[in-house]
């Protein structure tokens, strides 16, 4: 009976401890940030070590506070990079494009709740089983238009002609493998999140139609110049090439710099200095869009999963009990480029990570910063803490068994 009694106690104790560790994992109180002091320089040192140990070929990282860099790090195994080196931002382009759209809204040239067909003459969505007139600019900005293109643009080689916007919307020649590349409505509009590069190419076309300018001309005049983002561009020029970071493939060889039709969705080139100004402009005294418009852009519009929602341009990475509210965007392209920009709109803290040669490093470091700064965590943080959680589980179970064996022997 004594063996049975201690066996039952052991099973119950291990079960309770396992439950406690699971709660600690799920609610975050047993998760450990990458750095513990809260010091920005110590955080840079921690992620610097992680970055160098990862398979990355160049990287630029900056911690931003109230529009000023409070810690940064630059590394390249080839052409040197610094805070003015241009990186291709891939899908971070969409967040900046959203500001261009809302600049036109504030000029009263666009209404985000009007059907997009009202603003289009050069191309229209192909007919579908759904009512295309339900699709608004709000839907395009939030990826809720029901578009099923799945884009993702790979771009064109430097010696290749690029498609027109209209041709790309009909079928993108630079679509990723196994993607249709056709911008069409495949699910009921405004019912679900469905990521669509094609939706932002439509926004690019709308900006051109409404403004009478090319997309690059409009964004330079109405976004980059007022924000003093003097290095930023959606189209590479001779000057841009001289200050462009090398891009690397996964095997470490130098990649080419591709050209894009889909400028709004994928082709922003910018640097640490300019992105610091962009983050600084989130708030009051923004010369491009008002604070009330920013609040609309940054508000949760559609839920994606338990960890992530989307606004009208940026992703929302969560809010904490202490009031932190984190927005931002990541970018990936051709499995060689990864960028991440995150901003705590409550405290005006942010992080910028630009790199190539690793498909996930910038995004994972962005998640590490969010957890370090706010306690908000997602699958990336759970995964990086798996050894820590396993240690809690094993050590606790060993202690339980050891204590019970000791008590059993004393009583016998």
Protein backbone atom coordinates (compact mmCIF):
# COMPACT_ATOMS: atom_id res chain seq x y z
CA UNK A 1 0.00 0.00 0.00
CA UNK A 2 2.87 2.37 0.81
CA UNK A 3 4.31 1.91 -2.72
CA UNK A 4 0.88 2.56 -4.22
CA UNK A 5 0.38 5.66 -2.06
CA UNK A 6 3.74 7.17 -3.05
CA UNK A 7 3.21 6.18 -6.67
CA UNK A 8 -0.12 8.05 -6.75
CA UNK A 9 1.43 11.08 -5.00
CA UNK A 10 4.26 11.07 -7.55
CA UNK A 11 1.87 10.94 -10.52
CA UNK A 12 -0.32 13.72 -9.09
CA UNK A 13 2.70 15.91 -8.28
CA UNK A 14 4.24 15.47 -11.73
CA UNK A 15 0.87 16.19 -13.35
CA UNK A 16 0.41 19.36 -11.30
CA UNK A 17 3.95 20.52 -12.06
CA UNK A 18 3.48 19.83 -15.79
CA UNK A 19 0.27 21.86 -15.66
CA UNK A 20 2.05 24.72 -13.91
CA UNK A 21 4.84 24.74 -16.53
CA UNK A 22 2.23 24.69 -19.31
CA UNK A 23 0.48 27.68 -17.75
CA UNK A 24 3.83 29.44 -17.41
CA UNK A 25 4.47 28.85 -21.09
CA UNK A 26 0.99 29.83 -22.27
CA UNK A 27 0.74 32.96 -20.10
CA UNK A 28 4.38 33.92 -20.48
CA UNK A 29 5.55 34.09 -16.86
CA UNK A 30 8.15 31.33 -17.40
CA UNK A 31 9.40 32.77 -20.71
CA UNK A 32 12.74 34.59 -20.70
CA UNK A 33 13.60 37.56 -22.96
CA UNK A 34 16.85 37.55 -24.87
CA UNK A 35 18.19 40.22 -22.45
CA UNK A 36 17.19 40.88 -18.84
CA UNK A 37 18.44 44.30 -17.73
CA UNK A 38 16.21 46.42 -19.96
CA UNK A 39 19.24 48.37 -21.16
CA UNK A 40 19.11 49.11 -24.93
CA UNK A 41 22.87 48.68 -25.40
CA UNK A 42 22.70 45.31 -23.63
CA UNK A 43 19.83 44.30 -25.92
CA UNK A 44 21.87 45.29 -28.99
CA UNK A 45 24.77 43.20 -27.66
CA UNK A 46 22.44 40.23 -27.14
CA UNK A 47 20.94 40.30 -30.62
CA UNK A 48 24.35 41.12 -32.14
CA UNK A 49 25.61 37.80 -30.83
CA UNK A 50 22.54 36.03 -32.19
CA UNK A 51 22.87 37.75 -35.57
CA UNK A 52 26.55 36.87 -35.99
CA UNK A 53 25.88 33.23 -35.03
CA UNK A 54 23.05 33.01 -37.56
CA UNK A 55 23.69 32.55 -41.27
CA UNK A 56 23.40 36.23 -42.24
CA UNK A 57 25.50 38.06 -44.82
CA UNK A 58 24.69 41.67 -43.99
CA UNK A 59 22.55 43.34 -41.38
CA UNK A 60 21.69 46.80 -40.06
CA UNK A 61 19.88 47.14 -36.72
CA UNK A 62 18.75 50.25 -34.84
CA UNK A 63 16.82 50.80 -31.65
CA UNK A 64 14.82 54.03 -31.88
CA UNK A 65 13.44 56.20 -29.07
CA UNK A 66 11.35 59.30 -29.86
CA UNK A 67 12.83 59.52 -33.33
CA UNK A 68 16.46 59.13 -32.26
CA UNK A 69 18.76 56.12 -32.54
CA UNK A 70 19.72 54.92 -29.06
CA UNK A 71 21.69 51.86 -30.15
CA UNK A 72 22.69 50.35 -33.49
CA UNK A 73 24.77 47.61 -35.09
CA UNK A 74 26.03 47.02 -38.65
CA UNK A 75 27.70 43.98 -40.14
CA UNK A 76 28.54 42.79 -43.63
CA UNK A 77 30.86 40.16 -44.98
CA UNK A 78 31.09 42.11 -48.25
CA UNK A 79 30.39 45.75 -49.10
CA UNK A 80 30.14 47.67 -45.78
CA UNK A 81 26.73 48.88 -44.58
CA UNK A 82 25.79 51.78 -42.32
CA UNK A 83 22.75 53.84 -41.32
CA UNK A 84 22.45 55.36 -44.80
CA UNK A 85 22.84 52.15 -46.79
CA UNK A 86 19.73 51.29 -48.81
CA UNK A 87 18.07 47.90 -48.37
CA UNK A 88 15.13 46.59 -50.33
CA UNK A 89 12.24 46.50 -47.86
CA UNK A 90 9.96 44.01 -49.67
CA UNK A 91 6.51 44.06 -48.03
CA UNK A 92 7.34 46.85 -45.57
CA UNK A 93 6.62 48.89 -48.73
CA UNK A 94 2.91 48.33 -48.06
CA UNK A 95 2.96 50.23 -44.76
CA UNK A 96 4.54 53.28 -46.41
CA UNK A 97 2.15 52.97 -49.36
CA UNK A 98 -0.78 53.16 -46.95
CA UNK A 99 0.41 56.63 -45.90
CA UNK A 100 0.37 57.61 -49.57
CA UNK A 101 -3.23 56.45 -49.86
CA UNK A 102 -4.33 58.35 -46.77
CA UNK A 103 -2.53 61.47 -47.92
CA UNK A 104 -4.94 61.45 -50.87
CA UNK A 105 -7.82 60.79 -48.46
CA UNK A 106 -6.88 63.90 -46.49
CA UNK A 107 -6.76 65.83 -49.77
CA UNK A 108 -10.36 64.58 -50.24
CA UNK A 109 -9.41 62.86 -53.49
CA UNK A 110 -10.17 59.37 -52.14
CA UNK A 111 -12.81 57.84 -49.91
CA UNK A 112 -11.71 54.54 -48.40
CA UNK A 113 -15.29 53.23 -48.28
CA UNK A 114 -16.17 53.88 -51.93
CA UNK A 115 -15.98 50.98 -54.42
CA UNK A 116 -12.53 50.89 -56.00
CA UNK A 117 -14.14 50.79 -59.45
CA UNK A 118 -14.97 54.49 -58.97
CA UNK A 119 -11.26 55.36 -59.23
CA UNK A 120 -10.15 52.94 -61.96
CA UNK A 121 -10.23 53.52 -65.71
CA UNK A 122 -7.10 51.69 -66.94
CA UNK A 123 -8.10 48.29 -65.50
CA UNK A 124 -11.00 46.69 -63.63
CA UNK A 125 -11.29 43.54 -61.54
CA UNK A 126 -12.45 40.57 -63.65
CA UNK A 127 -16.04 39.47 -63.00
CA UNK A 128 -16.50 36.94 -60.22
CA UNK A 129 -19.26 35.07 -58.44
CA UNK A 130 -19.18 37.82 -55.82
CA UNK A 131 -20.17 41.47 -55.98
CA UNK A 132 -16.99 43.32 -56.93
CA UNK A 133 -18.68 46.63 -56.07
CA UNK A 134 -18.41 45.70 -52.40
CA UNK A 135 -14.61 46.01 -52.58
CA UNK A 136 -13.31 49.27 -51.15
CA UNK A 137 -9.92 50.85 -50.57
CA UNK A 138 -10.35 49.91 -46.90
CA UNK A 139 -10.52 46.27 -47.99
CA UNK A 140 -7.38 46.53 -50.12
CA UNK A 141 -5.44 48.15 -47.28
CA UNK A 142 -6.48 45.44 -44.79
CA UNK A 143 -6.23 42.42 -47.14
CA UNK A 144 -9.96 41.76 -46.79
CA UNK A 145 -10.97 42.29 -50.43
CA UNK A 146 -11.30 38.55 -51.07
CA UNK A 147 -8.43 38.58 -53.60
CA UNK A 148 -6.76 35.22 -54.11
CA UNK A 149 -3.66 36.15 -56.14
CA UNK A 150 -1.26 35.03 -53.38
CA UNK A 151 1.38 37.56 -54.53
CA UNK A 152 4.47 37.71 -53.52
CA UNK A 153 6.52 39.29 -56.36
CA UNK A 154 9.93 37.99 -57.41
CA UNK A 155 10.76 40.96 -59.63
CA UNK A 156 12.51 41.08 -63.00
CA UNK A 157 16.17 40.71 -63.93
CA UNK A 158 17.96 44.01 -64.67
CA UNK A 159 18.03 43.27 -68.43
CA UNK A 160 14.37 42.15 -68.53
CA UNK A 161 11.51 44.45 -69.55
CA UNK A 162 8.98 44.85 -66.76
CA UNK A 163 5.23 44.55 -67.18
CA UNK A 164 2.83 47.46 -67.02
CA UNK A 165 0.63 47.63 -63.93
CA UNK A 166 -2.36 46.50 -65.99
CA UNK A 167 -0.50 43.48 -67.39
CA UNK A 168 0.74 42.54 -63.93
CA UNK A 169 -2.79 42.65 -62.51
CA UNK A 170 -4.03 40.40 -65.30
CA UNK A 171 -1.24 37.89 -64.58
CA UNK A 172 2.01 38.78 -62.86
CA UNK A 173 4.95 37.37 -64.81
CA UNK A 174 7.12 37.59 -61.68
CA UNK A 175 4.79 35.63 -59.42
CA UNK A 176 6.38 33.16 -57.04
CA UNK A 177 6.27 29.47 -58.11
CA UNK A 178 2.91 27.70 -57.72
CA UNK A 179 1.08 31.05 -57.39
CA UNK A 180 -1.60 32.00 -59.93
CA UNK A 181 -0.50 35.63 -60.09
CA UNK A 182 -3.97 36.62 -61.29
CA UNK A 183 -5.57 39.43 -59.27
CA UNK A 184 -9.20 38.36 -58.95
CA UNK A 185 -11.90 37.92 -56.30
CA UNK A 186 -12.07 34.36 -55.04
CA UNK A 187 -13.79 34.68 -51.65
CA UNK A 188 -16.56 36.89 -50.28
CA UNK A 189 -15.18 40.41 -49.77
CA UNK A 190 -14.81 41.75 -46.21
CA UNK A 191 -15.20 38.36 -44.55
CA UNK A 192 -11.62 37.21 -43.92
CA UNK A 193 -7.95 38.15 -44.05
CA UNK A 194 -6.26 36.95 -47.25
CA UNK A 195 -2.82 38.42 -47.88
CA UNK A 196 -2.67 39.98 -51.34
CA UNK A 197 0.21 41.70 -53.06
CA UNK A 198 -2.18 42.30 -55.95
CA UNK A 199 -4.38 44.42 -53.70
CA UNK A 200 -1.51 46.86 -53.12
CA UNK A 201 -0.73 46.91 -56.86
CA UNK A 202 -4.33 48.04 -57.35
CA UNK A 203 -3.68 50.77 -54.77
CA UNK A 204 -0.59 51.76 -56.77
CA UNK A 205 -2.76 52.10 -59.87
CA UNK A 206 -5.40 54.11 -57.96
CA UNK A 207 -2.73 56.52 -56.69
CA UNK A 208 -1.52 57.05 -60.26
CA UNK A 209 -5.03 57.53 -61.65
CA UNK A 210 -6.15 59.96 -58.96
CA UNK A 211 -2.93 61.99 -58.65
CA UNK A 212 -2.02 62.13 -62.33
CA UNK A 213 1.58 61.27 -61.37
CA UNK A 214 3.60 58.09 -61.52
CA UNK A 215 3.61 56.22 -58.22
CA UNK A 216 7.27 57.08 -57.57
CA UNK A 217 6.68 60.77 -58.35
CA UNK A 218 3.68 60.93 -56.07
CA UNK A 219 5.34 59.16 -53.13
CA UNK A 220 8.52 61.25 -53.46
CA UNK A 221 6.59 64.53 -53.52
CA UNK A 222 3.95 63.75 -50.87
CA UNK A 223 5.67 61.31 -48.49
CA UNK A 224 9.47 61.25 -48.75
CA UNK A 225 10.10 64.97 -49.22
CA UNK A 226 7.85 66.18 -46.35
CA UNK A 227 9.33 63.54 -44.02
CA UNK A 228 12.89 64.39 -45.20
CA UNK A 229 13.44 60.74 -46.18
CA UNK A 230 16.03 61.91 -48.71
CA UNK A 231 17.49 58.48 -49.50
CA UNK A 232 14.22 56.59 -50.00
CA UNK A 233 12.84 55.54 -53.37
CA UNK A 234 10.56 52.97 -54.98
CA UNK A 235 12.61 52.98 -58.20
CA UNK A 236 16.38 52.58 -58.18
CA UNK A 237 18.38 55.36 -59.80
CA UNK A 238 22.08 55.62 -60.62
CA UNK A 239 22.56 57.46 -57.32
CA UNK A 240 20.65 54.74 -55.41
CA UNK A 241 22.78 51.94 -56.82
CA UNK A 242 25.94 53.54 -55.42
CA UNK A 243 24.51 53.31 -51.90
CA UNK A 244 22.73 49.97 -52.17
CA UNK A 245 23.43 47.02 -49.89
CA UNK A 246 24.41 43.82 -51.59
CA UNK A 247 21.69 41.18 -51.54
CA UNK A 248 22.61 37.59 -50.87
CA UNK A 249 21.07 34.24 -51.70
CA UNK A 250 20.61 31.49 -49.13
CA UNK A 251 23.83 29.82 -50.29
CA UNK A 252 25.80 33.00 -49.51
CA UNK A 253 26.38 34.06 -53.13
CA UNK A 254 25.61 37.64 -54.16
CA UNK A 255 22.13 38.08 -55.62
CA UNK A 256 21.06 40.57 -58.26
CA UNK A 257 18.97 43.68 -57.66
CA UNK A 258 15.61 43.08 -59.28
CA UNK A 259 13.20 45.56 -60.87
CA UNK A 260 9.50 45.62 -60.04
CA UNK A 261 6.18 46.53 -61.53
CA UNK A 262 4.64 46.16 -58.07
CA UNK A 263 6.37 49.15 -56.50
CA UNK A 264 3.73 49.70 -53.79
CA UNK A 265 3.77 46.08 -52.66
CA UNK A 266 7.47 45.23 -52.78
CA UNK A 267 9.91 47.84 -54.09
CA UNK A 268 10.67 50.38 -51.35
CA UNK A 269 14.40 50.98 -50.91
CA UNK A 270 15.32 52.83 -47.73
CA UNK A 271 17.78 52.96 -44.86
CA UNK A 272 18.05 53.16 -41.07
CA UNK A 273 18.21 56.97 -41.10
CA UNK A 274 15.04 57.38 -43.17
CA UNK A 275 13.08 54.72 -41.33
CA UNK A 276 13.97 56.46 -38.07
CA UNK A 277 12.25 59.57 -39.48
CA UNK A 278 9.27 57.46 -40.55
CA UNK A 279 8.88 56.07 -37.02
CA UNK A 280 9.30 59.55 -35.55
CA UNK A 281 6.42 60.78 -37.74
CA UNK A 282 4.06 58.29 -36.11
CA UNK A 283 2.36 60.66 -33.70
CA UNK A 284 1.79 64.38 -33.56
CA UNK A 285 3.40 66.92 -35.90
CA UNK A 286 3.24 64.57 -38.87
CA UNK A 287 3.42 66.62 -42.10
CA UNK A 288 1.93 63.82 -44.19
CA UNK A 289 -1.17 62.58 -42.35
CA UNK A 290 -2.98 63.72 -39.22
CA UNK A 291 -2.93 61.99 -35.83
CA UNK A 292 -6.58 60.97 -36.22
CA UNK A 293 -5.78 59.34 -39.56
CA UNK A 294 -2.82 57.50 -38.02
CA UNK A 295 -5.11 56.23 -35.28
CA UNK A 296 -7.43 54.86 -37.97
CA UNK A 297 -4.55 53.22 -39.85
CA UNK A 298 -3.13 51.63 -36.70
CA UNK A 299 -6.43 50.36 -35.29
CA UNK A 300 -7.13 46.63 -35.38
CA UNK A 301 -9.40 45.90 -38.34
CA UNK A 302 -9.22 42.15 -38.98
CA UNK A 303 -8.00 39.27 -36.81
CA UNK A 304 -5.49 36.93 -38.43
CA UNK A 305 -4.75 34.51 -35.58
CA UNK A 306 -4.39 34.53 -31.80
CA UNK A 307 -1.15 36.55 -32.00
CA UNK A 308 -1.69 38.90 -34.91
CA UNK A 309 -4.21 41.36 -36.33
CA UNK A 310 -4.06 43.83 -39.20
CA UNK A 311 -4.93 47.49 -39.50
CA UNK A 312 -5.17 49.61 -42.64
CA UNK A 313 -1.50 49.25 -43.58
CA UNK A 314 0.50 47.83 -40.66
CA UNK A 315 0.18 44.60 -38.73
CA UNK A 316 -0.68 44.91 -35.04
CA UNK A 317 1.56 42.68 -32.92
CA UNK A 318 -0.53 43.02 -29.77
CA UNK A 319 -1.24 45.13 -26.73
CA UNK A 320 -0.07 44.52 -23.17
CA UNK A 321 -1.81 44.96 -19.83
CA UNK A 322 0.41 47.97 -19.17
CA UNK A 323 -0.95 49.72 -22.29
CA UNK A 324 1.78 49.00 -24.83
CA UNK A 325 0.48 48.84 -28.42
CA UNK A 326 2.85 47.53 -31.09
CA UNK A 327 2.47 47.98 -34.85
CA UNK A 328 4.78 47.32 -37.77
CA UNK A 329 5.48 45.24 -40.84
CA UNK A 330 7.94 42.59 -42.01
CA UNK A 331 9.25 41.96 -45.50
CA UNK A 332 10.61 38.87 -47.28
CA UNK A 333 11.70 38.43 -50.86
CA UNK A 334 13.29 35.60 -52.86
CA UNK A 335 14.25 33.92 -49.58
CA UNK A 336 17.28 36.25 -49.38
CA UNK A 337 15.84 39.48 -47.98
CA UNK A 338 14.20 39.87 -44.58
CA UNK A 339 13.29 43.18 -42.96
CA UNK A 340 11.35 44.08 -39.84
CA UNK A 341 10.11 47.40 -38.45
CA UNK A 342 8.21 47.53 -35.15
CA UNK A 343 6.90 50.50 -33.16
CA UNK A 344 5.39 50.74 -29.69
CA UNK A 345 2.97 53.61 -30.33
CA UNK A 346 2.45 54.11 -26.59
CA UNK A 347 6.11 54.78 -25.75
CA UNK A 348 7.53 55.74 -29.19
CA UNK A 349 10.13 52.97 -28.90
CA UNK A 350 10.93 51.08 -32.07
CA UNK A 351 13.30 48.71 -33.79
CA UNK A 352 14.50 48.52 -37.40
CA UNK A 353 16.20 45.38 -38.74
CA UNK A 354 17.38 45.14 -42.34
CA UNK A 355 19.25 42.08 -43.59
CA UNK A 356 19.83 39.63 -46.39
CA UNK A 357 21.16 36.10 -46.54
CA UNK A 358 18.73 34.76 -43.93
CA UNK A 359 14.98 34.33 -44.59
CA UNK A 360 13.76 34.77 -40.99
CA UNK A 361 16.34 36.51 -38.83
CA UNK A 362 14.94 40.07 -38.99
CA UNK A 363 11.41 38.90 -38.23
CA UNK A 364 12.53 36.75 -35.30
CA UNK A 365 14.60 39.59 -33.84
CA UNK A 366 11.59 41.88 -34.22
CA UNK A 367 9.55 39.41 -32.18
CA UNK A 368 12.34 39.23 -29.58
CA UNK A 369 12.26 43.03 -29.25
CA UNK A 370 8.48 43.10 -28.80
CA UNK A 371 8.71 40.52 -26.00
CA UNK A 372 11.73 42.22 -24.40
CA UNK A 373 10.02 45.61 -24.44
CA UNK A 374 6.39 44.75 -23.70
CA UNK A 375 6.03 41.11 -22.63
CA UNK A 376 3.86 40.41 -25.70
CA UNK A 377 4.89 37.05 -27.13
CA UNK A 378 4.09 34.78 -30.03
CA UNK A 379 5.14 31.41 -31.47
CA UNK A 380 8.66 32.69 -32.21
CA UNK A 381 9.22 33.46 -28.52
CA UNK A 382 7.69 30.15 -27.46
CA UNK A 383 10.02 28.36 -29.85
CA UNK A 384 13.12 30.25 -28.68
CA UNK A 385 12.19 29.36 -25.08
CA UNK A 386 11.60 25.66 -25.69
CA UNK A 387 14.86 24.59 -24.02
CA UNK A 388 14.14 26.88 -21.06
CA UNK A 389 10.63 25.42 -20.66
CA UNK A 390 11.97 21.88 -21.02
CA UNK A 391 14.53 22.63 -18.29
CA UNK A 392 11.77 23.84 -15.94
CA UNK A 393 9.82 20.65 -16.63
CA UNK A 394 12.73 18.23 -16.21
CA UNK A 395 14.31 19.88 -13.15
CA UNK A 396 10.93 20.13 -11.43
CA UNK A 397 10.12 16.49 -12.07
CA UNK A 398 13.56 15.38 -10.87
CA UNK A 399 13.08 17.38 -7.65
CA UNK A 400 9.60 15.91 -7.13
CA UNK A 401 10.84 12.35 -7.58
CA UNK A 402 13.91 13.00 -5.43
CA UNK A 403 11.92 14.50 -2.55
CA UNK A 404 9.33 11.71 -2.61
CA UNK A 405 12.03 8.99 -2.73
CA UNK A 406 13.75 10.66 0.22
CA UNK A 407 10.49 10.80 2.22
CA UNK A 408 9.66 7.21 1.32
CA UNK A 409 13.02 5.95 2.52
CA UNK A 410 12.82 7.89 5.77
CA UNK A 411 9.49 6.30 6.57
CA UNK A 412 10.73 2.82 5.81
